[in-house]
Amino acid sequence: MRVVILGNAGSGKSTMARRLAAGRDIPVLSLDAIAFAQGAERRPLGDSLAALQNFLDTHDSWIIEGCYGDIAAAALPHCTELRFLNPGVETCVAHCEQRPWEPDKFASQAEQNAVLPGLIDWVRSYETRDDEYGLECHRRVFTEFAGLKREYSDTGAYDDDGF
């Protein structure tokens, strides 16, 4: 299994990755871990791609999830399946508002809550952004991938897919 899961923040990528990996000895790479240095500083793309290549070289099976179209695209030649989570902006916003504290990303719940308004604004701009995080890029990555792929527009279908 070598699955790439791509979508907007709050689309359910991390949840799907955890469910797919449950009970299996399959590592999950959140692209956040290789895309950012300390805090909100984006690493140079070359550094992120080198970290991705290291991950690919050291694991036979894996699940990679994130909203970085440029990094995800680099993993596609190695993957067996691409999943594009596209449940709609309002669903993503609701998921972000309900997200429990992520201690791997934030020192406290208060710190996470402090960035929530900015995250919500960013999530709402998904359909109009023209960067590697936006719908246009994600759609292009999905469309151009020739392998096994599936787009999910209904979060209820996430559970109907074998996990």
Protein backbone atom coordinates (compact mmCIF):
# COMPACT_ATOMS: atom_id res chain seq x y z
CA MET A 1 0.00 0.00 0.00
CA ARG A 2 1.38 3.38 -1.06
CA VAL A 3 -1.44 5.92 -0.84
CA VAL A 4 -1.37 9.70 -1.27
CA ILE A 5 -4.28 11.61 0.29
CA LEU A 6 -4.68 15.19 -0.93
CA GLY A 7 -7.21 17.87 0.02
CA ASN A 8 -8.00 21.13 1.77
CA ALA A 9 -7.30 21.64 5.46
CA GLY A 10 -10.15 20.06 7.39
CA SER A 11 -11.13 17.70 4.59
CA GLY A 12 -10.38 14.59 6.65
CA LYS A 13 -6.94 13.63 5.32
CA SER A 14 -5.37 12.84 8.70
CA THR A 15 -8.44 10.91 9.84
CA MET A 16 -8.50 8.83 6.65
CA ALA A 17 -4.75 8.18 6.92
CA ARG A 18 -5.09 6.99 10.52
CA ARG A 19 -7.99 4.72 9.61
CA LEU A 20 -6.15 3.22 6.65
CA ALA A 21 -3.07 2.57 8.77
CA ALA A 22 -4.97 1.17 11.77
CA GLY A 23 -3.84 -2.34 12.62
CA ARG A 24 -1.20 -2.32 9.91
CA ASP A 25 2.50 -1.65 10.14
CA ILE A 26 2.33 1.22 7.68
CA PRO A 27 3.96 4.58 8.40
CA VAL A 28 1.95 7.75 7.83
CA LEU A 29 3.70 10.92 6.71
CA SER A 30 1.90 14.19 7.26
CA LEU A 31 3.33 16.62 4.73
CA ASP A 32 3.14 19.31 7.42
CA ALA A 33 6.12 17.56 9.03
CA ILE A 34 8.35 18.11 6.01
CA ALA A 35 6.84 21.33 4.63
CA PHE A 36 7.48 23.53 7.65
CA ALA A 37 10.44 24.42 9.79
CA GLN A 38 9.86 25.97 13.22
CA GLY A 39 6.48 27.66 13.51
CA ALA A 40 4.80 28.79 10.32
CA GLU A 41 7.96 29.16 8.23
CA ARG A 42 7.72 27.11 5.03
CA ARG A 43 10.89 25.17 4.28
CA PRO A 44 12.44 25.55 0.84
CA LEU A 45 10.70 23.18 -1.57
CA GLY A 46 13.98 21.40 -2.30
CA ASP A 47 14.40 20.56 1.39
CA SER A 48 10.85 19.22 1.59
CA LEU A 49 11.35 17.13 -1.54
CA ALA A 50 14.61 15.71 -0.14
CA ALA A 51 12.81 14.74 3.08
CA LEU A 52 10.03 13.16 1.02
CA GLN A 53 12.54 11.16 -1.01
CA ASN A 54 14.20 9.95 2.20
CA PHE A 55 10.81 8.76 3.48
CA LEU A 56 10.06 6.98 0.19
CA ASP A 57 13.49 5.35 0.15
CA THR A 58 13.13 3.95 3.67
CA HIS A 59 9.59 2.50 3.49
CA ASP A 60 8.07 -0.11 1.19
CA SER A 61 4.49 0.75 2.17
CA TRP A 62 3.21 4.12 3.32
CA ILE A 63 0.43 6.64 3.48
CA ILE A 64 1.17 10.29 2.76
CA GLU A 65 -1.37 13.01 3.50
CA GLY A 66 -1.36 16.75 3.04
CA CYS A 67 -2.57 19.83 1.22
CA TYR A 68 0.73 20.57 -0.57
CA GLY A 69 0.06 19.85 -4.23
CA ASP A 70 3.69 20.38 -5.18
CA ILE A 71 5.03 17.87 -2.65
CA ALA A 72 2.20 15.37 -3.18
CA ALA A 73 2.83 15.43 -6.93
CA ALA A 74 6.43 14.36 -6.30
CA ALA A 75 5.19 11.24 -4.48
CA LEU A 76 2.77 10.19 -7.22
CA PRO A 77 5.26 8.23 -9.36
CA HIS A 78 5.77 5.97 -6.34
CA CYS A 79 2.15 5.57 -5.17
CA THR A 80 -0.41 2.87 -5.88
CA GLU A 81 -3.44 5.08 -5.22
CA LEU A 82 -4.38 8.76 -5.02
CA ARG A 83 -7.31 9.89 -2.90
CA PHE A 84 -8.58 13.44 -3.36
CA LEU A 85 -10.79 14.60 -0.47
CA ASN A 86 -13.06 17.37 -1.66
CA PRO A 87 -16.11 17.54 0.66
CA GLY A 88 -16.69 21.27 0.19
CA VAL A 89 -15.39 24.31 1.99
CA GLU A 90 -18.10 24.49 4.66
CA THR A 91 -17.49 20.86 5.68
CA CYS A 92 -13.77 21.63 5.96
CA VAL A 93 -14.50 24.71 8.08
CA ALA A 94 -16.74 22.66 10.39
CA HIS A 95 -14.03 20.02 10.78
CA CYS A 96 -11.45 22.68 11.65
CA GLU A 97 -13.78 24.16 14.26
CA GLN A 98 -14.31 20.70 15.82
CA ARG A 99 -10.66 19.61 15.63
CA PRO A 100 -9.26 18.43 18.95
CA TRP A 101 -5.95 19.78 20.19
CA GLU A 102 -3.03 18.59 18.08
CA PRO A 103 -0.08 18.40 20.50
CA ASP A 104 2.28 17.44 17.68
CA LYS A 105 1.63 20.84 16.09
CA PHE A 106 0.77 23.16 18.99
CA ALA A 107 2.17 23.58 22.50
CA SER A 108 -1.33 24.09 23.94
CA GLN A 109 -5.00 24.11 23.06
CA ALA A 110 -4.92 27.89 23.55
CA GLU A 111 -2.14 28.24 20.97
CA GLN A 112 -4.13 26.13 18.50
CA ASN A 113 -7.29 28.16 19.16
CA ALA A 114 -5.36 31.40 18.54
CA VAL A 115 -4.62 30.40 14.94
CA LEU A 116 -8.12 29.07 14.22
CA PRO A 117 -9.59 32.32 12.78
CA GLY A 118 -6.72 32.59 10.28
CA LEU A 119 -7.06 28.90 9.39
CA ILE A 120 -10.78 29.32 8.78
CA ASP A 121 -10.13 32.27 6.44
CA TRP A 122 -7.49 30.22 4.63
CA VAL A 123 -9.80 27.19 4.28
CA ARG A 124 -12.57 29.41 2.91
CA SER A 125 -10.23 30.66 0.15
CA TYR A 126 -9.60 27.10 -1.16
CA GLU A 127 -11.64 27.50 -4.32
CA THR A 128 -10.00 30.80 -5.30
CA ARG A 129 -6.36 30.27 -4.32
CA ASP A 130 -3.94 29.76 -7.20
CA ASP A 131 -1.12 28.24 -5.16
CA GLU A 132 -0.11 24.67 -4.35
CA TYR A 133 -2.75 24.54 -1.59
CA GLY A 134 -5.75 25.47 -3.72
CA LEU A 135 -8.45 23.53 -5.49
CA GLU A 136 -7.06 24.38 -8.93
CA CYS A 137 -3.72 22.74 -8.12
CA HIS A 138 -5.33 19.76 -6.38
CA ARG A 139 -7.69 19.22 -9.31
CA ARG A 140 -4.76 19.34 -11.75
CA VAL A 141 -2.72 16.83 -9.69
CA PHE A 142 -5.75 14.51 -9.53
CA THR A 143 -6.63 14.83 -13.22
CA GLU A 144 -3.08 14.28 -14.44
CA PHE A 145 -2.48 11.18 -12.30
CA ALA A 146 -2.90 8.11 -14.54
CA GLY A 147 -3.04 5.49 -11.77
CA LEU A 148 -5.78 4.29 -9.45
CA LYS A 149 -7.55 7.33 -8.02
CA ARG A 150 -10.75 8.34 -6.32
CA GLU A 151 -12.30 11.69 -5.46
CA TYR A 152 -14.40 11.88 -2.31
CA SER A 153 -17.00 14.64 -2.14
CA ASP A 154 -19.11 13.07 0.61
CA THR A 155 -17.49 12.41 3.99
CA GLY A 156 -19.96 9.55 4.49
CA ALA A 157 -18.23 7.75 1.62
CA TYR A 158 -14.93 7.87 3.54
CA ASP A 159 -16.25 5.08 5.79
CA ASP A 160 -17.69 3.12 2.88
CA ASP A 161 -14.23 2.59 1.44
CA GLY A 162 -12.92 -0.28 3.49
CA PHE A 163 -11.75 1.27 6.71
